[in-house]
Amino acid sequence: MATAMTKTALVRQMGATVVRGPAEDTWAPGYYSVLFEDPDGIRLEVNFVPGAGLLAEGAQFRPGPPNMG
């Protein structure tokens, strides 16, 4: 979570508007994301998956709320 908080502070310093996050999500074990809009209104996302993420043995892709739209 510290990485996501650092990225959130950085995008705010750059004049972006944070739309969502930083938040842990269900996509992969340890997944965190921050969704933001740049000064032109373009949406971007910074995410972090520790270690091997979905490539780790036994890891499963877990789509679901809040990622479904």
N, C-alpha and C. Protein backbone atom coordinates (compact mmCIF):
# COMPACT_ATOMS: atom_id res chain seq x y z
N MET A 1 0.82 -1.20 0.00
CA MET A 1 0.00 0.00 0.00
C MET A 1 0.86 1.25 0.00
N ALA A 2 2.05 1.19 0.58
CA ALA A 2 2.93 2.37 0.61
C ALA A 2 3.26 2.84 -0.80
N THR A 3 3.47 1.90 -1.72
CA THR A 3 3.76 2.26 -3.11
C THR A 3 2.59 3.01 -3.73
N ALA A 4 1.38 2.52 -3.50
CA ALA A 4 0.19 3.19 -4.04
C ALA A 4 0.03 4.58 -3.44
N MET A 5 0.31 4.74 -2.15
CA MET A 5 0.20 6.05 -1.52
C MET A 5 1.22 7.02 -2.10
N THR A 6 2.44 6.54 -2.37
CA THR A 6 3.48 7.37 -2.96
C THR A 6 3.07 7.82 -4.35
N LYS A 7 2.52 6.91 -5.15
CA LYS A 7 2.08 7.25 -6.50
C LYS A 7 0.93 8.24 -6.46
N THR A 8 0.03 8.08 -5.51
CA THR A 8 -1.10 9.00 -5.37
C THR A 8 -0.60 10.41 -5.06
N ALA A 9 0.34 10.53 -4.14
CA ALA A 9 0.91 11.84 -3.81
C ALA A 9 1.58 12.46 -5.02
N LEU A 10 2.29 11.64 -5.79
CA LEU A 10 2.98 12.14 -6.98
C LEU A 10 2.00 12.68 -8.02
N VAL A 11 0.94 11.93 -8.33
CA VAL A 11 0.01 12.42 -9.36
C VAL A 11 -0.73 13.66 -8.89
N ARG A 12 -0.98 13.79 -7.59
CA ARG A 12 -1.61 15.02 -7.08
C ARG A 12 -0.67 16.20 -7.22
N GLN A 13 0.62 15.99 -6.94
CA GLN A 13 1.61 17.06 -7.10
C GLN A 13 1.70 17.51 -8.55
N MET A 14 1.43 16.61 -9.47
CA MET A 14 1.50 16.91 -10.90
C MET A 14 0.23 17.57 -11.42
N GLY A 15 -0.76 17.80 -10.53
CA GLY A 15 -1.99 18.48 -10.92
C GLY A 15 -3.11 17.56 -11.35
N ALA A 16 -2.96 16.27 -11.13
CA ALA A 16 -4.00 15.32 -11.51
C ALA A 16 -5.09 15.26 -10.44
N THR A 17 -6.26 14.79 -10.85
CA THR A 17 -7.37 14.58 -9.94
C THR A 17 -7.52 13.09 -9.70
N VAL A 18 -7.44 12.67 -8.45
CA VAL A 18 -7.59 11.25 -8.12
C VAL A 18 -9.08 10.91 -8.18
N VAL A 19 -9.42 9.92 -9.01
CA VAL A 19 -10.81 9.49 -9.19
C VAL A 19 -11.14 8.37 -8.20
N ARG A 20 -10.21 7.44 -8.03
CA ARG A 20 -10.44 6.30 -7.14
C ARG A 20 -9.11 5.78 -6.62
N GLY A 21 -9.09 5.45 -5.35
CA GLY A 21 -7.91 4.82 -4.79
C GLY A 21 -7.10 5.80 -3.96
N PRO A 22 -5.99 5.35 -3.47
CA PRO A 22 -5.45 4.01 -3.67
C PRO A 22 -6.29 2.99 -2.91
N ALA A 23 -6.47 1.84 -3.52
CA ALA A 23 -7.29 0.82 -2.92
C ALA A 23 -6.80 -0.57 -3.31
N GLU A 24 -6.93 -1.49 -2.37
CA GLU A 24 -6.66 -2.89 -2.69
C GLU A 24 -7.83 -3.39 -3.52
N ASP A 25 -7.53 -4.23 -4.49
CA ASP A 25 -8.58 -4.71 -5.37
C ASP A 25 -8.47 -6.21 -5.53
N THR A 26 -9.38 -6.79 -6.29
CA THR A 26 -9.51 -8.25 -6.37
C THR A 26 -8.80 -8.89 -7.54
N TRP A 27 -8.17 -8.14 -8.42
CA TRP A 27 -7.60 -8.71 -9.64
C TRP A 27 -6.53 -9.77 -9.38
N ALA A 28 -5.68 -9.53 -8.39
CA ALA A 28 -4.58 -10.45 -8.09
C ALA A 28 -4.19 -10.25 -6.63
N PRO A 29 -3.53 -11.23 -6.02
CA PRO A 29 -3.11 -11.09 -4.63
C PRO A 29 -2.20 -9.86 -4.44
N GLY A 30 -2.57 -8.98 -3.52
CA GLY A 30 -1.76 -7.80 -3.23
C GLY A 30 -1.93 -6.65 -4.20
N TYR A 31 -2.90 -6.73 -5.12
CA TYR A 31 -3.11 -5.70 -6.14
C TYR A 31 -3.65 -4.41 -5.53
N TYR A 32 -3.02 -3.30 -5.87
CA TYR A 32 -3.49 -1.96 -5.50
C TYR A 32 -3.52 -1.11 -6.74
N SER A 33 -4.46 -0.17 -6.78
CA SER A 33 -4.53 0.72 -7.94
C SER A 33 -4.95 2.12 -7.54
N VAL A 34 -4.60 3.06 -8.40
CA VAL A 34 -5.01 4.46 -8.27
C VAL A 34 -5.47 4.90 -9.66
N LEU A 35 -6.70 5.35 -9.76
CA LEU A 35 -7.24 5.86 -11.02
C LEU A 35 -7.28 7.38 -10.91
N PHE A 36 -6.75 8.07 -11.92
CA PHE A 36 -6.72 9.53 -11.86
C PHE A 36 -6.92 10.12 -13.25
N GLU A 37 -7.22 11.42 -13.27
CA GLU A 37 -7.34 12.17 -14.52
C GLU A 37 -6.22 13.19 -14.57
N ASP A 38 -5.55 13.27 -15.72
CA ASP A 38 -4.51 14.28 -15.87
C ASP A 38 -5.17 15.64 -16.08
N PRO A 39 -4.40 16.72 -16.13
CA PRO A 39 -5.00 18.05 -16.27
C PRO A 39 -5.86 18.22 -17.53
N ASP A 40 -5.67 17.36 -18.54
CA ASP A 40 -6.50 17.41 -19.75
C ASP A 40 -7.74 16.53 -19.65
N GLY A 41 -7.92 15.85 -18.51
CA GLY A 41 -9.09 15.00 -18.32
C GLY A 41 -8.93 13.58 -18.82
N ILE A 42 -7.71 13.20 -19.20
CA ILE A 42 -7.45 11.84 -19.67
C ILE A 42 -7.27 10.93 -18.46
N ARG A 43 -8.03 9.84 -18.42
CA ARG A 43 -7.94 8.91 -17.28
C ARG A 43 -6.80 7.93 -17.46
N LEU A 44 -6.05 7.76 -16.37
CA LEU A 44 -4.92 6.84 -16.33
C LEU A 44 -4.98 6.06 -15.03
N GLU A 45 -4.36 4.89 -15.03
CA GLU A 45 -4.33 4.11 -13.80
C GLU A 45 -2.90 3.65 -13.52
N VAL A 46 -2.50 3.77 -12.26
CA VAL A 46 -1.23 3.22 -11.80
C VAL A 46 -1.60 2.04 -10.93
N ASN A 47 -0.98 0.88 -11.18
CA ASN A 47 -1.29 -0.26 -10.34
C ASN A 47 -0.02 -0.96 -9.92
N PHE A 48 -0.16 -1.78 -8.88
CA PHE A 48 0.96 -2.48 -8.30
C PHE A 48 0.53 -3.88 -7.93
N VAL A 49 1.30 -4.86 -8.40
CA VAL A 49 1.10 -6.25 -8.01
C VAL A 49 2.44 -6.75 -7.49
N PRO A 50 2.52 -7.12 -6.22
CA PRO A 50 3.80 -7.55 -5.67
C PRO A 50 4.23 -8.92 -6.16
N GLY A 51 5.52 -9.14 -6.13
CA GLY A 51 6.06 -10.46 -6.48
C GLY A 51 5.72 -10.86 -7.90
N ALA A 52 5.35 -12.11 -8.07
CA ALA A 52 5.04 -12.65 -9.40
C ALA A 52 3.59 -12.39 -9.80
N GLY A 53 2.77 -11.86 -8.90
CA GLY A 53 1.38 -11.57 -9.24
C GLY A 53 0.66 -12.81 -9.72
N LEU A 54 0.02 -12.68 -10.87
CA LEU A 54 -0.73 -13.81 -11.42
C LEU A 54 0.16 -14.90 -11.98
N LEU A 55 1.46 -14.65 -12.07
CA LEU A 55 2.38 -15.68 -12.55
C LEU A 55 2.84 -16.61 -11.42
N ALA A 56 2.50 -16.27 -10.18
CA ALA A 56 2.88 -17.11 -9.04
C ALA A 56 2.10 -18.41 -9.08
N GLU A 57 2.73 -19.46 -8.67
CA GLU A 57 2.08 -20.77 -8.64
C GLU A 57 0.83 -20.72 -7.76
N GLY A 58 -0.29 -21.17 -8.30
CA GLY A 58 -1.54 -21.21 -7.56
C GLY A 58 -2.34 -19.92 -7.60
N ALA A 59 -1.80 -18.85 -8.14
CA ALA A 59 -2.52 -17.58 -8.20
C ALA A 59 -3.64 -17.68 -9.23
N GLN A 60 -4.76 -17.01 -8.94
CA GLN A 60 -5.90 -17.03 -9.85
C GLN A 60 -6.35 -15.61 -10.15
N PHE A 61 -6.76 -15.39 -11.39
CA PHE A 61 -7.34 -14.13 -11.82
C PHE A 61 -8.72 -14.02 -11.17
N ARG A 62 -8.99 -12.90 -10.50
CA ARG A 62 -10.24 -12.76 -9.77
C ARG A 62 -10.98 -11.49 -10.17
N PRO A 63 -11.51 -11.43 -11.39
CA PRO A 63 -12.26 -10.22 -11.75
C PRO A 63 -13.54 -10.16 -10.94
N GLY A 64 -13.99 -9.00 -10.68
CA GLY A 64 -15.22 -8.83 -9.92
C GLY A 64 -15.32 -7.42 -9.40
N PRO A 65 -16.42 -7.10 -8.75
CA PRO A 65 -16.57 -5.75 -8.23
C PRO A 65 -15.39 -5.39 -7.36
N PRO A 66 -14.91 -4.17 -7.40
CA PRO A 66 -15.47 -3.03 -8.11
C PRO A 66 -14.97 -2.86 -9.53
N ASN A 67 -14.34 -3.85 -10.10
CA ASN A 67 -13.74 -3.72 -11.43
C ASN A 67 -14.69 -3.92 -12.59
N MET A 68 -15.90 -4.26 -12.34
CA MET A 68 -16.80 -4.63 -13.42
C MET A 68 -17.50 -3.44 -14.07
N GLY A 69 -17.08 -2.25 -13.78
CA GLY A 69 -17.67 -1.13 -14.48
C GLY A 69 -18.06 -0.06 -13.60
